Amino acid sequence: MPDPQPPQTNDFDALSATQPVAEARFVCARHATEAGVVRLHGSDAAGWMAVVDSFVSSLRQRIAASAAEPLRDALGRGDVRAIYRLDLEWAPFYCADCDVSYCGQCWRTMPVFDPDFPGWLEEIRGTCPRDHERMLSD
């Protein structure tokens, strides 16, 4: 019989305030300014959380233990491509077509609202300086 899952805290603020297990900072290819920071917080006992701070938002997302190790590995290598492949919202500053990161000054962003509920933000889309469009945040 497998070991029972450890209890997880539901306190996002407390978990995201812990010392990160891994962290990587990414720089804009055009301006050499910070494009975004990705962190992994938590433990098997407390649960895991991806924290992304960028020009788009400050994302705090609980993640499965099975996703924590690949994210930790990608952060340790500073591999933005691998982070993007794990979850594109963990690298909203990265353009996969250009294969570089851009800061908020570079991206042209546009909110997309639900047509049935005009006040409901569906996603934020962005276009990089070379006109590649993608979803930045959902």
C-alpha atoms as a PDB file:
ATOM      1  CA  MET A   1       0.000   0.000   0.000  1.00  0.00           C
ATOM      2  CA  PRO A   2       1.452   3.436  -0.939  1.00  0.00           C
ATOM      3  CA  ASP A   3       2.336   5.919   1.768  1.00  0.00           C
ATOM      4  CA  PRO A   4      -0.449   8.383   2.499  1.00  0.00           C
ATOM      5  CA  GLN A   5      -0.049  11.851   1.023  1.00  0.00           C
ATOM      6  CA  PRO A   6       1.351  14.374   3.510  1.00  0.00           C
ATOM      7  CA  PRO A   7      -1.037  17.102   4.592  1.00  0.00           C
ATOM      8  CA  GLN A   8      -0.800  20.288   2.560  1.00  0.00           C
ATOM      9  CA  THR A   9      -1.321  23.789   3.772  1.00  0.00           C
ATOM     10  CA  ASN A  10      -3.965  25.881   2.039  1.00  0.00           C
ATOM     11  CA  ASP A  11      -2.233  29.071   3.074  1.00  0.00           C
ATOM     12  CA  PHE A  12      -0.817  30.372  -0.223  1.00  0.00           C
ATOM     13  CA  ASP A  13       0.703  33.434   1.427  1.00  0.00           C
ATOM     14  CA  ALA A  14       2.599  31.367   3.991  1.00  0.00           C
ATOM     15  CA  LEU A  15       3.888  28.895   1.409  1.00  0.00           C
ATOM     16  CA  SER A  16       4.951  31.579  -1.070  1.00  0.00           C
ATOM     17  CA  ALA A  17       6.702  33.490   1.750  1.00  0.00           C
ATOM     18  CA  THR A  18       8.990  30.542   2.536  1.00  0.00           C
ATOM     19  CA  GLN A  19      12.549  30.487   1.266  1.00  0.00           C
ATOM     20  CA  PRO A  20      12.476  29.256  -2.370  1.00  0.00           C
ATOM     21  CA  VAL A  21      13.883  25.815  -3.034  1.00  0.00           C
ATOM     22  CA  ALA A  22      14.997  27.012  -6.475  1.00  0.00           C
ATOM     23  CA  GLU A  23      14.883  30.299  -8.348  1.00  0.00           C
ATOM     24  CA  ALA A  24      15.874  31.692 -11.733  1.00  0.00           C
ATOM     25  CA  ARG A  25      15.825  35.251 -13.031  1.00  0.00           C
ATOM     26  CA  PHE A  26      15.433  35.962 -16.723  1.00  0.00           C
ATOM     27  CA  VAL A  27      16.652  39.058 -18.547  1.00  0.00           C
ATOM     28  CA  CYS A  28      15.166  40.859 -21.540  1.00  0.00           C
ATOM     29  CA  ALA A  29      17.067  40.139 -24.768  1.00  0.00           C
ATOM     30  CA  ARG A  30      16.662  43.761 -25.915  1.00  0.00           C
ATOM     31  CA  HIS A  31      17.023  45.849 -22.770  1.00  0.00           C
ATOM     32  CA  ALA A  32      19.007  43.644 -20.362  1.00  0.00           C
ATOM     33  CA  THR A  33      16.391  44.405 -17.702  1.00  0.00           C
ATOM     34  CA  GLU A  34      14.602  41.785 -15.664  1.00  0.00           C
ATOM     35  CA  ALA A  35      11.866  40.071 -17.668  1.00  0.00           C
ATOM     36  CA  GLY A  36      10.706  37.731 -14.923  1.00  0.00           C
ATOM     37  CA  VAL A  37      11.526  35.582 -11.927  1.00  0.00           C
ATOM     38  CA  VAL A  38      10.382  32.002 -11.416  1.00  0.00           C
ATOM     39  CA  ARG A  39      10.587  30.319  -8.016  1.00  0.00           C
ATOM     40  CA  LEU A  40       9.737  26.951  -6.560  1.00  0.00           C
ATOM     41  CA  HIS A  41       8.560  26.931  -2.939  1.00  0.00           C
ATOM     42  CA  GLY A  42       7.585  24.132  -0.621  1.00  0.00           C
ATOM     43  CA  SER A  43       8.399  20.582   0.309  1.00  0.00           C
ATOM     44  CA  ASP A  44       6.818  17.154   0.170  1.00  0.00           C
ATOM     45  CA  ALA A  45       5.336  17.826   3.602  1.00  0.00           C
ATOM     46  CA  ALA A  46       3.911  21.296   2.878  1.00  0.00           C
ATOM     47  CA  GLY A  47       3.138  20.866  -0.808  1.00  0.00           C
ATOM     48  CA  TRP A  48       4.658  22.681  -3.760  1.00  0.00           C
ATOM     49  CA  MET A  49       4.059  26.067  -5.339  1.00  0.00           C
ATOM     50  CA  ALA A  50       5.341  27.779  -8.467  1.00  0.00           C
ATOM     51  CA  VAL A  51       5.704  31.545  -8.033  1.00  0.00           C
ATOM     52  CA  VAL A  52       6.162  33.718 -11.107  1.00  0.00           C
ATOM     53  CA  ASP A  53       6.698  37.470 -10.953  1.00  0.00           C
ATOM     54  CA  SER A  54       6.636  39.266 -14.282  1.00  0.00           C
ATOM     55  CA  PHE A  55       5.150  42.267 -16.041  1.00  0.00           C
ATOM     56  CA  VAL A  56       1.978  40.229 -16.640  1.00  0.00           C
ATOM     57  CA  SER A  57       1.181  39.273 -13.065  1.00  0.00           C
ATOM     58  CA  SER A  58       2.339  37.737  -9.850  1.00  0.00           C
ATOM     59  CA  LEU A  59       1.272  34.110 -10.204  1.00  0.00           C
ATOM     60  CA  ARG A  60       1.139  31.715  -7.290  1.00  0.00           C
ATOM     61  CA  GLN A  61       0.093  28.236  -8.334  1.00  0.00           C
ATOM     62  CA  ARG A  62       0.015  25.061  -6.299  1.00  0.00           C
ATOM     63  CA  ILE A  63       1.646  22.274  -8.290  1.00  0.00           C
ATOM     64  CA  ALA A  64       1.790  18.513  -8.008  1.00  0.00           C
ATOM     65  CA  ALA A  65       4.841  16.884  -6.467  1.00  0.00           C
ATOM     66  CA  SER A  66       5.495  15.248  -9.842  1.00  0.00           C
ATOM     67  CA  ALA A  67       5.928  18.720 -11.403  1.00  0.00           C
ATOM     68  CA  ALA A  68       8.197  20.053  -8.655  1.00  0.00           C
ATOM     69  CA  GLU A  69      11.318  18.081  -9.613  1.00  0.00           C
ATOM     70  CA  PRO A  70      11.268  18.993 -13.335  1.00  0.00           C
ATOM     71  CA  LEU A  71      10.698  22.641 -12.386  1.00  0.00           C
ATOM     72  CA  ARG A  72      13.530  22.530  -9.837  1.00  0.00           C
ATOM     73  CA  ASP A  73      15.826  21.034 -12.466  1.00  0.00           C
ATOM     74  CA  ALA A  74      14.896  23.655 -15.102  1.00  0.00           C
ATOM     75  CA  LEU A  75      15.343  26.484 -12.589  1.00  0.00           C
ATOM     76  CA  GLY A  76      18.732  25.132 -11.571  1.00  0.00           C
ATOM     77  CA  ARG A  77      19.838  25.234 -15.198  1.00  0.00           C
ATOM     78  CA  GLY A  78      18.142  28.582 -15.877  1.00  0.00           C
ATOM     79  CA  ASP A  79      16.398  26.850 -18.777  1.00  0.00           C
ATOM     80  CA  VAL A  80      13.475  29.079 -19.757  1.00  0.00           C
ATOM     81  CA  ARG A  81      12.565  26.775 -22.680  1.00  0.00           C
ATOM     82  CA  ALA A  82      12.093  23.853 -20.308  1.00  0.00           C
ATOM     83  CA  ILE A  83      10.036  25.983 -17.919  1.00  0.00           C
ATOM     84  CA  TYR A  84       7.831  27.125 -20.819  1.00  0.00           C
ATOM     85  CA  ARG A  85       7.349  23.498 -21.922  1.00  0.00           C
ATOM     86  CA  LEU A  86       6.314  22.529 -18.379  1.00  0.00           C
ATOM     87  CA  ASP A  87       3.689  25.294 -18.253  1.00  0.00           C
ATOM     88  CA  LEU A  88       3.638  28.281 -20.581  1.00  0.00           C
ATOM     89  CA  GLU A  89       2.200  30.494 -17.816  1.00  0.00           C
ATOM     90  CA  TRP A  90       5.389  29.927 -15.803  1.00  0.00           C
ATOM     91  CA  ALA A  91       7.324  31.844 -18.498  1.00  0.00           C
ATOM     92  CA  PRO A  92       4.966  34.578 -19.753  1.00  0.00           C
ATOM     93  CA  PHE A  93       7.970  36.736 -20.694  1.00  0.00           C
ATOM     94  CA  TYR A  94       9.406  34.072 -23.044  1.00  0.00           C
ATOM     95  CA  CYS A  95       8.762  33.974 -26.794  1.00  0.00           C
ATOM     96  CA  ALA A  96       9.234  30.412 -28.011  1.00  0.00           C
ATOM     97  CA  ASP A  97       9.438  31.550 -31.646  1.00  0.00           C
ATOM     98  CA  CYS A  98      12.293  33.986 -30.907  1.00  0.00           C
ATOM     99  CA  ASP A  99      13.714  31.677 -28.206  1.00  0.00           C
ATOM    100  CA  VAL A 100      14.385  34.665 -25.916  1.00  0.00           C
ATOM    101  CA  SER A 101      12.787  36.499 -23.007  1.00  0.00           C
ATOM    102  CA  TYR A 102      11.433  40.039 -23.250  1.00  0.00           C
ATOM    103  CA  CYS A 103      10.470  42.578 -20.597  1.00  0.00           C
ATOM    104  CA  GLY A 104       7.118  44.307 -20.271  1.00  0.00           C
ATOM    105  CA  GLN A 105       8.365  47.275 -22.280  1.00  0.00           C
ATOM    106  CA  CYS A 106       8.808  44.954 -25.287  1.00  0.00           C
ATOM    107  CA  TRP A 107       5.539  43.017 -25.236  1.00  0.00           C
ATOM    108  CA  ARG A 108       2.328  44.573 -26.574  1.00  0.00           C
ATOM    109  CA  THR A 109      -0.390  43.126 -24.388  1.00  0.00           C
ATOM    110  CA  MET A 110      -4.135  42.932 -24.871  1.00  0.00           C
ATOM    111  CA  PRO A 111      -6.828  41.679 -22.515  1.00  0.00           C
ATOM    112  CA  VAL A 112      -9.359  39.234 -23.951  1.00  0.00           C
ATOM    113  CA  PHE A 113     -12.780  39.298 -22.331  1.00  0.00           C
ATOM    114  CA  ASP A 114     -15.466  36.599 -22.411  1.00  0.00           C
ATOM    115  CA  PRO A 115     -18.006  37.563 -25.105  1.00  0.00           C
ATOM    116  CA  ASP A 116     -20.892  36.282 -22.956  1.00  0.00           C
ATOM    117  CA  PHE A 117     -19.672  38.030 -19.788  1.00  0.00           C
ATOM    118  CA  PRO A 118     -17.905  41.231 -20.936  1.00  0.00           C
ATOM    119  CA  GLY A 119     -16.463  41.986 -17.488  1.00  0.00           C
ATOM    120  CA  TRP A 120     -14.837  38.540 -17.207  1.00  0.00           C
ATOM    121  CA  LEU A 121     -11.153  38.530 -18.202  1.00  0.00           C
ATOM    122  CA  GLU A 122     -10.473  35.328 -20.143  1.00  0.00           C
ATOM    123  CA  GLU A 123      -6.788  35.795 -20.803  1.00  0.00           C
ATOM    124  CA  ILE A 124      -4.026  38.235 -21.564  1.00  0.00           C
ATOM    125  CA  ARG A 125      -2.444  37.873 -24.979  1.00  0.00           C
ATOM    126  CA  GLY A 126       0.810  39.415 -26.042  1.00  0.00           C
ATOM    127  CA  THR A 127       2.810  40.139 -29.155  1.00  0.00           C
ATOM    128  CA  CYS A 128       6.599  40.156 -28.932  1.00  0.00           C
ATOM    129  CA  PRO A 129       8.779  42.729 -30.749  1.00  0.00           C
ATOM    130  CA  ARG A 130       9.015  40.384 -33.757  1.00  0.00           C
ATOM    131  CA  ASP A 131       5.195  40.056 -33.998  1.00  0.00           C
ATOM    132  CA  HIS A 132       4.834  36.556 -32.539  1.00  0.00           C
ATOM    133  CA  GLU A 133       1.553  36.347 -30.623  1.00  0.00           C
ATOM    134  CA  ARG A 134       0.789  34.054 -27.714  1.00  0.00           C
ATOM    135  CA  MET A 135      -1.292  33.712 -24.567  1.00  0.00           C
ATOM    136  CA  LEU A 136       0.633  35.191 -21.646  1.00  0.00           C
ATOM    137  CA  SER A 137      -1.824  34.554 -18.834  1.00  0.00           C
ATOM    138  CA  ASP A 138      -5.077  32.628 -18.512  1.00  0.00           C
END
